[in-house]
Amino acid sequence: MNRGKAFVDRVVTFLLFLVFGGAAFWMIGSHLDLPAARRIGDYVDSDFWAELGSRDNYNTILIVAATVAALAGLLLIGINIERKRLGRTASPASAPTGTIRTSPADIASAVAQTFEKRDDVRSARHRATEDRGTDIIEIRLRITAEADIAALTDSCHRAAADITDALPGQNILPRFVLQAEQPVRSR
């Protein structure tokens, strides 16, 4: 998630905190008969809220409010779901006679398939995306509890060097995530 999206999420979260926190304070304070809650209650036009359901344009108000809330929700979902995948890029080794295009996702897939052949790796997943403005290739390895972490770390370092060699001149960072299974408990 980039900084702009994170800022929007934080602002929306803070505004929702203010709305729900204020409502909670008012309700709890009204129950406890706190003077501050009574002052807030004085600003609320109870006649307006009591008559709102009987107004002629009540259905229109509900439709507009529901539409605005739905659009705001879809906008927030759209902002947060979007993930920039890395596409094919031209290699610096290309010549005027032809262009060599490499796909970071294809290279990530090849690395993941290589790791899946190991006995201590249960599964290997990959993705090539942009994360906070940095292009990354992420290989997520699910390993057995008995796996040799030092050997896996060495393999990850070699694979990172291979990824860098396969994508010369491209600023793509390899990231390896190791997820160890729970050890089997003996009784």
N, C-alpha and C. Protein backbone atom coordinates (compact mmCIF):
# COMPACT_ATOMS: atom_id res chain seq x y z
N MET A 1 0.85 -1.17 0.00
CA MET A 1 0.00 0.00 0.00
C MET A 1 0.90 1.23 0.00
N ASN A 2 0.61 2.17 -0.88
CA ASN A 2 1.44 3.36 -0.94
C ASN A 2 1.03 4.37 0.13
N ARG A 3 1.81 5.42 0.25
CA ARG A 3 1.58 6.39 1.33
C ARG A 3 0.25 7.10 1.20
N GLY A 4 -0.17 7.41 -0.03
CA GLY A 4 -1.43 8.11 -0.23
C GLY A 4 -2.61 7.29 0.25
N LYS A 5 -2.61 6.00 -0.10
CA LYS A 5 -3.69 5.12 0.35
C LYS A 5 -3.67 4.95 1.86
N ALA A 6 -2.50 4.80 2.41
CA ALA A 6 -2.38 4.66 3.87
C ALA A 6 -2.89 5.91 4.56
N PHE A 7 -2.61 7.10 4.00
CA PHE A 7 -3.08 8.35 4.60
C PHE A 7 -4.61 8.41 4.55
N VAL A 8 -5.21 8.06 3.41
CA VAL A 8 -6.67 8.07 3.30
C VAL A 8 -7.27 7.10 4.31
N ASP A 9 -6.70 5.90 4.42
CA ASP A 9 -7.21 4.92 5.39
C ASP A 9 -7.13 5.45 6.81
N ARG A 10 -6.03 6.12 7.14
CA ARG A 10 -5.88 6.64 8.50
C ARG A 10 -6.87 7.77 8.78
N VAL A 11 -7.09 8.64 7.80
CA VAL A 11 -8.04 9.74 7.98
C VAL A 11 -9.45 9.18 8.16
N VAL A 12 -9.85 8.23 7.32
CA VAL A 12 -11.18 7.64 7.43
C VAL A 12 -11.33 6.92 8.77
N THR A 13 -10.31 6.19 9.17
CA THR A 13 -10.36 5.48 10.46
C THR A 13 -10.47 6.47 11.61
N PHE A 14 -9.74 7.58 11.56
CA PHE A 14 -9.81 8.58 12.62
C PHE A 14 -11.19 9.23 12.67
N LEU A 15 -11.76 9.55 11.50
CA LEU A 15 -13.09 10.15 11.48
C LEU A 15 -14.15 9.18 12.02
N LEU A 16 -14.03 7.91 11.65
CA LEU A 16 -14.97 6.92 12.20
C LEU A 16 -14.79 6.77 13.70
N PHE A 17 -13.54 6.84 14.17
CA PHE A 17 -13.29 6.80 15.61
C PHE A 17 -13.99 7.97 16.30
N LEU A 18 -13.88 9.16 15.72
CA LEU A 18 -14.52 10.33 16.33
C LEU A 18 -16.04 10.17 16.37
N VAL A 19 -16.62 9.70 15.28
CA VAL A 19 -18.08 9.54 15.23
C VAL A 19 -18.55 8.48 16.22
N PHE A 20 -17.96 7.29 16.14
CA PHE A 20 -18.41 6.21 17.02
C PHE A 20 -18.00 6.44 18.48
N GLY A 21 -16.82 7.01 18.68
CA GLY A 21 -16.40 7.33 20.05
C GLY A 21 -17.30 8.38 20.67
N GLY A 22 -17.64 9.41 19.89
CA GLY A 22 -18.55 10.44 20.40
C GLY A 22 -19.93 9.88 20.71
N ALA A 23 -20.44 9.03 19.81
CA ALA A 23 -21.76 8.42 20.05
C ALA A 23 -21.73 7.52 21.28
N ALA A 24 -20.65 6.76 21.43
CA ALA A 24 -20.54 5.88 22.60
C ALA A 24 -20.47 6.71 23.88
N PHE A 25 -19.67 7.79 23.86
CA PHE A 25 -19.58 8.65 25.04
C PHE A 25 -20.94 9.24 25.39
N TRP A 26 -21.66 9.69 24.36
CA TRP A 26 -22.96 10.31 24.61
C TRP A 26 -23.95 9.30 25.20
N MET A 27 -23.98 8.08 24.62
CA MET A 27 -24.92 7.07 25.11
C MET A 27 -24.57 6.62 26.53
N ILE A 28 -23.31 6.32 26.77
CA ILE A 28 -22.91 5.87 28.10
C ILE A 28 -23.06 7.02 29.10
N GLY A 29 -22.66 8.23 28.69
CA GLY A 29 -22.81 9.39 29.56
C GLY A 29 -24.25 9.71 29.87
N SER A 30 -25.15 9.51 28.91
CA SER A 30 -26.57 9.74 29.17
C SER A 30 -27.10 8.72 30.18
N HIS A 31 -26.65 7.49 30.05
CA HIS A 31 -27.07 6.46 31.00
C HIS A 31 -26.57 6.77 32.42
N LEU A 32 -25.35 7.30 32.51
CA LEU A 32 -24.76 7.62 33.81
C LEU A 32 -25.14 9.03 34.28
N ASP A 33 -25.92 9.75 33.47
CA ASP A 33 -26.39 11.09 33.78
C ASP A 33 -25.24 12.07 34.01
N LEU A 34 -24.26 12.04 33.10
CA LEU A 34 -23.12 12.96 33.18
C LEU A 34 -23.51 14.32 32.60
N PRO A 35 -23.04 15.42 33.21
CA PRO A 35 -23.39 16.75 32.70
C PRO A 35 -22.93 16.99 31.25
N ALA A 36 -21.75 16.48 30.88
CA ALA A 36 -21.27 16.67 29.51
C ALA A 36 -22.20 15.99 28.50
N ALA A 37 -22.70 14.82 28.83
CA ALA A 37 -23.62 14.11 27.94
C ALA A 37 -24.95 14.86 27.85
N ARG A 38 -25.38 15.45 28.94
CA ARG A 38 -26.62 16.24 28.91
C ARG A 38 -26.45 17.45 27.99
N ARG A 39 -25.26 18.09 28.03
CA ARG A 39 -25.01 19.24 27.15
C ARG A 39 -25.04 18.83 25.68
N ILE A 40 -24.46 17.67 25.40
CA ILE A 40 -24.51 17.17 24.02
C ILE A 40 -25.96 16.90 23.62
N GLY A 41 -26.71 16.31 24.51
CA GLY A 41 -28.12 16.02 24.26
C GLY A 41 -28.94 17.29 24.04
N ASP A 42 -28.54 18.40 24.64
CA ASP A 42 -29.26 19.67 24.43
C ASP A 42 -29.12 20.14 22.99
N TYR A 43 -28.01 19.80 22.32
CA TYR A 43 -27.81 20.23 20.94
C TYR A 43 -28.60 19.37 19.95
N VAL A 44 -29.00 18.20 20.36
CA VAL A 44 -29.73 17.30 19.48
C VAL A 44 -31.19 17.73 19.44
N ASP A 45 -31.70 17.94 18.24
CA ASP A 45 -33.10 18.35 18.08
C ASP A 45 -33.95 17.08 18.09
N SER A 46 -34.48 16.73 19.22
CA SER A 46 -35.22 15.47 19.34
C SER A 46 -36.51 15.50 18.52
N ASP A 47 -37.12 16.67 18.33
CA ASP A 47 -38.32 16.75 17.51
C ASP A 47 -38.01 16.38 16.05
N PHE A 48 -36.85 16.82 15.57
CA PHE A 48 -36.46 16.50 14.19
C PHE A 48 -36.36 14.99 14.00
N TRP A 49 -35.68 14.30 14.92
CA TRP A 49 -35.49 12.87 14.79
C TRP A 49 -36.79 12.11 15.01
N ALA A 50 -37.66 12.61 15.87
CA ALA A 50 -38.94 11.95 16.12
C ALA A 50 -39.85 12.03 14.91
N GLU A 51 -39.78 13.13 14.17
CA GLU A 51 -40.65 13.33 13.02
C GLU A 51 -40.03 12.89 11.70
N LEU A 52 -38.78 12.47 11.73
CA LEU A 52 -38.08 12.14 10.49
C LEU A 52 -38.77 11.00 9.73
N GLY A 53 -39.23 9.98 10.42
CA GLY A 53 -39.87 8.83 9.77
C GLY A 53 -41.19 9.16 9.12
N SER A 54 -41.85 10.22 9.56
CA SER A 54 -43.15 10.56 8.99
C SER A 54 -43.07 11.62 7.90
N ARG A 55 -41.88 12.07 7.56
CA ARG A 55 -41.72 13.09 6.51
C ARG A 55 -42.02 12.49 5.14
N ASP A 56 -42.47 13.32 4.22
CA ASP A 56 -42.81 12.86 2.87
C ASP A 56 -41.58 12.38 2.10
N ASN A 57 -40.44 13.01 2.34
CA ASN A 57 -39.23 12.66 1.60
C ASN A 57 -38.31 11.71 2.37
N TYR A 58 -38.86 10.98 3.32
CA TYR A 58 -38.05 10.06 4.13
C TYR A 58 -37.40 8.97 3.28
N ASN A 59 -38.17 8.41 2.33
CA ASN A 59 -37.60 7.36 1.46
C ASN A 59 -36.46 7.92 0.62
N THR A 60 -36.61 9.15 0.15
CA THR A 60 -35.55 9.78 -0.64
C THR A 60 -34.30 9.98 0.23
N ILE A 61 -34.50 10.42 1.46
CA ILE A 61 -33.37 10.61 2.37
C ILE A 61 -32.65 9.28 2.59
N LEU A 62 -33.41 8.22 2.81
CA LEU A 62 -32.79 6.90 3.02
C LEU A 62 -32.03 6.43 1.77
N ILE A 63 -32.61 6.63 0.60
CA ILE A 63 -31.97 6.20 -0.64
C ILE A 63 -30.67 6.97 -0.87
N VAL A 64 -30.71 8.28 -0.65
CA VAL A 64 -29.51 9.10 -0.84
C VAL A 64 -28.43 8.70 0.17
N ALA A 65 -28.83 8.52 1.44
CA ALA A 65 -27.86 8.14 2.48
C ALA A 65 -27.26 6.77 2.18
N ALA A 66 -28.10 5.82 1.76
CA ALA A 66 -27.61 4.48 1.44
C ALA A 66 -26.69 4.51 0.23
N THR A 67 -27.02 5.31 -0.78
CA THR A 67 -26.19 5.41 -1.98
C THR A 67 -24.83 6.02 -1.66
N VAL A 68 -24.83 7.10 -0.89
CA VAL A 68 -23.57 7.75 -0.51
C VAL A 68 -22.71 6.79 0.32
N ALA A 69 -23.33 6.09 1.28
CA ALA A 69 -22.57 5.15 2.11
C ALA A 69 -22.02 3.99 1.27
N ALA A 70 -22.84 3.47 0.34
CA ALA A 70 -22.38 2.37 -0.51
C ALA A 70 -21.24 2.81 -1.42
N LEU A 71 -21.35 3.99 -2.02
CA LEU A 71 -20.28 4.48 -2.88
C LEU A 71 -19.00 4.73 -2.10
N ALA A 72 -19.12 5.29 -0.89
CA ALA A 72 -17.93 5.51 -0.06
C ALA A 72 -17.29 4.18 0.31
N GLY A 73 -18.11 3.18 0.65
CA GLY A 73 -17.58 1.86 0.98
C GLY A 73 -16.90 1.20 -0.21
N LEU A 74 -17.53 1.28 -1.39
CA LEU A 74 -16.90 0.71 -2.58
C LEU A 74 -15.61 1.42 -2.94
N LEU A 75 -15.58 2.74 -2.75
CA LEU A 75 -14.35 3.49 -3.01
C LEU A 75 -13.23 3.04 -2.09
N LEU A 76 -13.53 2.88 -0.81
CA LEU A 76 -12.50 2.43 0.14
C LEU A 76 -12.05 1.01 -0.18
N ILE A 77 -12.98 0.15 -0.56
CA ILE A 77 -12.60 -1.21 -0.93
C ILE A 77 -11.73 -1.19 -2.18
N GLY A 78 -12.12 -0.39 -3.17
CA GLY A 78 -11.34 -0.29 -4.41
C GLY A 78 -9.94 0.23 -4.17
N ILE A 79 -9.82 1.20 -3.28
CA ILE A 79 -8.50 1.76 -2.96
C ILE A 79 -7.61 0.70 -2.33
N ASN A 80 -8.18 -0.12 -1.47
CA ASN A 80 -7.38 -1.07 -0.70
C ASN A 80 -7.15 -2.40 -1.41
N ILE A 81 -7.98 -2.76 -2.36
CA ILE A 81 -7.81 -4.05 -3.03
C ILE A 81 -6.77 -3.99 -4.14
N GLU A 82 -6.69 -2.87 -4.82
CA GLU A 82 -5.82 -2.75 -5.99
C GLU A 82 -4.38 -3.12 -5.64
N ARG A 83 -3.83 -4.02 -6.42
CA ARG A 83 -2.44 -4.41 -6.24
C ARG A 83 -1.75 -4.31 -7.59
N LYS A 84 -0.67 -3.60 -7.63
CA LYS A 84 0.04 -3.41 -8.89
C LYS A 84 0.96 -4.60 -9.13
N ARG A 85 0.64 -5.35 -10.15
CA ARG A 85 1.48 -6.48 -10.52
C ARG A 85 2.54 -6.00 -11.50
N LEU A 86 3.69 -6.63 -11.43
CA LEU A 86 4.78 -6.25 -12.32
C LEU A 86 4.60 -6.93 -13.67
N GLY A 87 4.70 -6.18 -14.73
CA GLY A 87 4.55 -6.71 -16.08
C GLY A 87 5.89 -6.97 -16.73
N ARG A 88 5.83 -7.35 -17.97
CA ARG A 88 7.06 -7.63 -18.74
C ARG A 88 7.82 -6.33 -18.95
N THR A 89 9.14 -6.42 -18.81
CA THR A 89 9.99 -5.25 -19.02
C THR A 89 11.10 -5.61 -19.98
N ALA A 90 11.56 -4.62 -20.69
CA ALA A 90 12.64 -4.83 -21.66
C ALA A 90 13.96 -4.97 -20.93
N SER A 91 14.72 -5.96 -21.33
CA SER A 91 16.02 -6.21 -20.72
C SER A 91 17.06 -5.25 -21.30
N PRO A 92 18.02 -4.81 -20.46
CA PRO A 92 19.09 -3.96 -20.98
C PRO A 92 19.97 -4.69 -22.01
N ALA A 93 19.86 -6.03 -22.05
CA ALA A 93 20.63 -6.80 -23.01
C ALA A 93 20.00 -6.77 -24.41
N SER A 94 18.86 -6.10 -24.57
CA SER A 94 18.20 -6.00 -25.87
C SER A 94 19.09 -5.24 -26.85
N ALA A 95 18.92 -5.57 -28.09
CA ALA A 95 19.71 -4.93 -29.16
C ALA A 95 18.74 -4.31 -30.17
N PRO A 96 19.26 -3.48 -31.06
CA PRO A 96 18.38 -2.89 -32.09
C PRO A 96 17.71 -3.95 -32.98
N THR A 97 18.30 -5.11 -33.06
CA THR A 97 17.72 -6.16 -33.90
C THR A 97 16.56 -6.89 -33.23
N GLY A 98 16.42 -6.72 -31.93
CA GLY A 98 15.32 -7.38 -31.22
C GLY A 98 15.29 -7.01 -29.76
N THR A 99 14.13 -7.12 -29.20
CA THR A 99 13.94 -6.77 -27.79
C THR A 99 13.75 -8.04 -26.97
N ILE A 100 14.44 -8.12 -25.86
CA ILE A 100 14.28 -9.23 -24.93
C ILE A 100 13.41 -8.71 -23.79
N ARG A 101 12.28 -9.37 -23.60
CA ARG A 101 11.37 -8.97 -22.52
C ARG A 101 11.35 -10.07 -21.46
N THR A 102 11.49 -9.65 -20.23
CA THR A 102 11.45 -10.61 -19.12
C THR A 102 10.27 -10.28 -18.23
N SER A 103 9.71 -11.31 -17.64
CA SER A 103 8.59 -11.15 -16.73
C SER A 103 9.04 -11.54 -15.32
N PRO A 104 9.00 -10.60 -14.38
CA PRO A 104 9.36 -10.95 -13.01
C PRO A 104 8.48 -12.06 -12.43
N ALA A 105 7.21 -12.12 -12.84
CA ALA A 105 6.33 -13.18 -12.35
C ALA A 105 6.78 -14.55 -12.84
N ASP A 106 7.26 -14.62 -14.07
CA ASP A 106 7.75 -15.91 -14.60
C ASP A 106 9.01 -16.35 -13.85
N ILE A 107 9.87 -15.41 -13.56
CA ILE A 107 11.09 -15.74 -12.81
C ILE A 107 10.74 -16.17 -11.39
N ALA A 108 9.79 -15.47 -10.77
CA ALA A 108 9.34 -15.85 -9.42
C ALA A 108 8.73 -17.24 -9.43
N SER A 109 7.97 -17.56 -10.47
CA SER A 109 7.37 -18.88 -10.59
C SER A 109 8.44 -19.95 -10.71
N ALA A 110 9.48 -19.69 -11.49
CA ALA A 110 10.56 -20.66 -11.65
C ALA A 110 11.29 -20.89 -10.33
N VAL A 111 11.54 -19.81 -9.58
CA VAL A 111 12.21 -19.95 -8.29
C VAL A 111 11.33 -20.76 -7.33
N ALA A 112 10.03 -20.45 -7.31
CA ALA A 112 9.11 -21.18 -6.42
C ALA A 112 9.06 -22.66 -6.77
N GLN A 113 9.04 -22.98 -8.07
CA GLN A 113 9.03 -24.39 -8.49
C GLN A 113 10.31 -25.11 -8.08
N THR A 114 11.43 -24.39 -8.13
CA THR A 114 12.69 -24.99 -7.71
C THR A 114 12.66 -25.31 -6.22
N PHE A 115 12.13 -24.40 -5.42
CA PHE A 115 12.06 -24.64 -3.98
C PHE A 115 11.08 -25.77 -3.65
N GLU A 116 10.01 -25.91 -4.43
CA GLU A 116 9.03 -26.97 -4.15
C GLU A 116 9.63 -28.36 -4.31
N LYS A 117 10.72 -28.48 -5.04
CA LYS A 117 11.36 -29.78 -5.24
C LYS A 117 12.12 -30.25 -4.00
N ARG A 118 12.36 -29.34 -3.07
CA ARG A 118 13.08 -29.71 -1.84
C ARG A 118 12.16 -30.51 -0.92
N ASP A 119 12.76 -31.46 -0.17
CA ASP A 119 11.98 -32.30 0.73
C ASP A 119 11.46 -31.53 1.94
N ASP A 120 12.19 -30.48 2.36
CA ASP A 120 11.78 -29.76 3.56
C ASP A 120 10.82 -28.59 3.26
N VAL A 121 10.40 -28.45 2.01
CA VAL A 121 9.46 -27.40 1.63
C VAL A 121 8.14 -28.06 1.24
N ARG A 122 7.08 -27.71 1.98
CA ARG A 122 5.75 -28.27 1.71
C ARG A 122 5.11 -27.59 0.49
N SER A 123 5.23 -26.26 0.44
CA SER A 123 4.68 -25.53 -0.70
C SER A 123 5.44 -24.22 -0.87
N ALA A 124 5.39 -23.71 -2.08
CA ALA A 124 6.06 -22.44 -2.38
C ALA A 124 5.10 -21.61 -3.23
N ARG A 125 4.83 -20.41 -2.79
CA ARG A 125 3.98 -19.48 -3.53
C ARG A 125 4.80 -18.27 -3.91
N HIS A 126 4.39 -17.62 -4.97
CA HIS A 126 5.16 -16.47 -5.44
C HIS A 126 4.22 -15.34 -5.86
N ARG A 127 4.77 -14.14 -5.90
CA ARG A 127 4.08 -12.99 -6.48
C ARG A 127 5.11 -11.94 -6.83
N ALA A 128 4.80 -11.18 -7.84
CA ALA A 128 5.66 -10.08 -8.26
C ALA A 128 4.80 -8.83 -8.30
N THR A 129 4.98 -7.96 -7.30
CA THR A 129 4.13 -6.78 -7.17
C THR A 129 4.96 -5.58 -6.76
N GLU A 130 4.27 -4.45 -6.72
CA GLU A 130 4.86 -3.23 -6.17
C GLU A 130 4.34 -3.08 -4.75
N ASP A 131 5.23 -2.94 -3.81
CA ASP A 131 4.86 -2.80 -2.40
C ASP A 131 5.47 -1.51 -1.87
N ARG A 132 4.62 -0.54 -1.56
CA ARG A 132 5.05 0.77 -1.03
C ARG A 132 6.09 1.43 -1.93
N GLY A 133 5.86 1.37 -3.22
CA GLY A 133 6.74 2.04 -4.16
C GLY A 133 7.97 1.24 -4.56
N THR A 134 8.12 0.03 -4.05
CA THR A 134 9.28 -0.81 -4.38
C THR A 134 8.80 -2.06 -5.10
N ASP A 135 9.42 -2.35 -6.22
CA ASP A 135 9.11 -3.58 -6.96
C ASP A 135 9.73 -4.76 -6.23
N ILE A 136 8.92 -5.78 -5.95
CA ILE A 136 9.42 -6.94 -5.21
C ILE A 136 8.99 -8.23 -5.89
N ILE A 137 9.80 -9.25 -5.70
CA ILE A 137 9.42 -10.62 -5.99
C ILE A 137 9.40 -11.31 -4.64
N GLU A 138 8.23 -11.82 -4.27
CA GLU A 138 8.11 -12.48 -2.96
C GLU A 138 7.89 -13.96 -3.17
N ILE A 139 8.70 -14.74 -2.50
CA ILE A 139 8.58 -16.19 -2.50
C ILE A 139 8.23 -16.59 -1.06
N ARG A 140 7.06 -17.20 -0.90
CA ARG A 140 6.59 -17.61 0.43
C ARG A 140 6.70 -19.12 0.52
N LEU A 141 7.57 -19.58 1.43
CA LEU A 141 7.84 -21.00 1.56
C LEU A 141 7.23 -21.54 2.85
N ARG A 142 6.45 -22.58 2.72
CA ARG A 142 5.91 -23.28 3.89
C ARG A 142 6.81 -24.49 4.10
N ILE A 143 7.51 -24.48 5.23
CA ILE A 143 8.54 -25.50 5.46
C ILE A 143 8.15 -26.39 6.64
N THR A 144 8.78 -27.55 6.69
CA THR A 144 8.53 -28.47 7.79
C THR A 144 9.21 -27.94 9.06
N ALA A 145 8.76 -28.42 10.18
CA ALA A 145 9.33 -27.98 11.46
C ALA A 145 10.78 -28.43 11.61
N GLU A 146 11.14 -29.52 10.94
CA GLU A 146 12.48 -30.07 11.05
C GLU A 146 13.43 -29.52 10.00
N ALA A 147 13.01 -28.56 9.22
CA ALA A 147 13.83 -28.05 8.11
C ALA A 147 15.12 -27.42 8.63
N ASP A 148 16.16 -27.55 7.83
CA ASP A 148 17.45 -26.95 8.16
C ASP A 148 17.40 -25.48 7.72
N ILE A 149 17.21 -24.59 8.68
CA ILE A 149 17.04 -23.17 8.39
C ILE A 149 18.29 -22.58 7.76
N ALA A 150 19.45 -22.99 8.21
CA ALA A 150 20.70 -22.46 7.65
C ALA A 150 20.82 -22.82 6.17
N ALA A 151 20.50 -24.06 5.82
CA ALA A 151 20.57 -24.49 4.42
C ALA A 151 19.52 -23.74 3.59
N LEU A 152 18.34 -23.56 4.15
CA LEU A 152 17.29 -22.82 3.43
C LEU A 152 17.69 -21.36 3.24
N THR A 153 18.31 -20.78 4.25
CA THR A 153 18.76 -19.39 4.14
C THR A 153 19.81 -19.26 3.04
N ASP A 154 20.73 -20.21 2.99
CA ASP A 154 21.73 -20.19 1.92
C ASP A 154 21.08 -20.32 0.54
N SER A 155 20.08 -21.20 0.44
CA SER A 155 19.37 -21.37 -0.83
C SER A 155 18.64 -20.08 -1.21
N CYS A 156 18.07 -19.41 -0.21
CA CYS A 156 17.37 -18.13 -0.48
C CYS A 156 18.35 -17.07 -0.97
N HIS A 157 19.55 -17.02 -0.37
CA HIS A 157 20.57 -16.06 -0.82
C HIS A 157 21.00 -16.36 -2.25
N ARG A 158 21.19 -17.64 -2.57
CA ARG A 158 21.56 -18.01 -3.94
C ARG A 158 20.43 -17.66 -4.92
N ALA A 159 19.20 -17.93 -4.52
CA ALA A 159 18.06 -17.62 -5.39
C ALA A 159 17.92 -16.11 -5.58
N ALA A 160 18.19 -15.33 -4.54
CA ALA A 160 18.14 -13.86 -4.66
C ALA A 160 19.19 -13.38 -5.65
N ALA A 161 20.37 -13.98 -5.59
CA ALA A 161 21.42 -13.60 -6.55
C ALA A 161 21.02 -14.01 -7.97
N ASP A 162 20.38 -15.18 -8.11
CA ASP A 162 19.91 -15.61 -9.43
C ASP A 162 18.84 -14.68 -9.98
N ILE A 163 17.93 -14.23 -9.10
CA ILE A 163 16.88 -13.29 -9.53
C ILE A 163 17.51 -12.00 -10.00
N THR A 164 18.49 -11.49 -9.26
CA THR A 164 19.17 -10.25 -9.64
C THR A 164 19.89 -10.42 -10.98
N ASP A 165 20.52 -11.60 -11.18
CA ASP A 165 21.20 -11.86 -12.45
C ASP A 165 20.21 -11.99 -13.60
N ALA A 166 19.02 -12.54 -13.33
CA ALA A 166 18.03 -12.74 -14.39
C ALA A 166 17.35 -11.44 -14.79
N LEU A 167 17.38 -10.45 -13.90
CA LEU A 167 16.74 -9.16 -14.17
C LEU A 167 17.77 -8.04 -14.08
N PRO A 168 18.77 -8.03 -14.98
CA PRO A 168 19.83 -7.02 -14.88
C PRO A 168 19.27 -5.62 -15.15
N GLY A 169 19.76 -4.67 -14.37
CA GLY A 169 19.36 -3.28 -14.57
C GLY A 169 17.97 -2.95 -14.06
N GLN A 170 17.29 -3.90 -13.45
CA GLN A 170 15.95 -3.65 -12.92
C GLN A 170 16.03 -3.65 -11.40
N ASN A 171 15.44 -2.67 -10.81
CA ASN A 171 15.49 -2.53 -9.36
C ASN A 171 14.34 -3.31 -8.73
N ILE A 172 14.46 -4.64 -8.73
CA ILE A 172 13.45 -5.51 -8.15
C ILE A 172 14.09 -6.27 -7.00
N LEU A 173 13.50 -6.12 -5.83
CA LEU A 173 14.06 -6.75 -4.64
C LEU A 173 13.40 -8.09 -4.37
N PRO A 174 14.20 -9.15 -4.18
CA PRO A 174 13.61 -10.44 -3.80
C PRO A 174 13.32 -10.46 -2.29
N ARG A 175 12.21 -11.08 -1.94
CA ARG A 175 11.83 -11.23 -0.53
C ARG A 175 11.41 -12.68 -0.32
N PHE A 176 12.00 -13.31 0.69
CA PHE A 176 11.67 -14.69 1.01
C PHE A 176 11.02 -14.73 2.38
N VAL A 177 9.87 -15.37 2.46
CA VAL A 177 9.14 -15.50 3.72
C VAL A 177 9.06 -16.99 4.03
N LEU A 178 9.62 -17.37 5.18
CA LEU A 178 9.61 -18.77 5.61
C LEU A 178 8.53 -18.95 6.66
N GLN A 179 7.63 -19.88 6.42
CA GLN A 179 6.56 -20.19 7.37
C GLN A 179 6.73 -21.63 7.81
N ALA A 180 7.18 -21.81 9.05
CA ALA A 180 7.44 -23.15 9.56
C ALA A 180 6.16 -23.75 10.12
N GLU A 181 5.98 -25.03 9.85
CA GLU A 181 4.84 -25.76 10.41
C GLU A 181 5.09 -26.01 11.89
N GLN A 182 4.04 -26.31 12.62
CA GLN A 182 4.15 -26.63 14.04
C GLN A 182 4.83 -28.00 14.18
N PRO A 183 5.75 -28.12 15.13
CA PRO A 183 6.38 -29.44 15.34
C PRO A 183 5.36 -30.42 15.92
N VAL A 184 5.53 -31.67 15.57
CA VAL A 184 4.65 -32.71 16.08
C VAL A 184 5.04 -33.01 17.51
N ARG A 185 4.07 -32.94 18.40
CA ARG A 185 4.34 -33.21 19.82
C ARG A 185 4.27 -34.70 20.08
N SER A 186 5.27 -35.18 20.77
CA SER A 186 5.25 -36.59 21.15
C SER A 186 4.60 -36.72 22.52
N ARG A 187 3.85 -37.77 22.71
CA ARG A 187 3.10 -37.95 23.97
C ARG A 187 3.81 -38.84 24.91
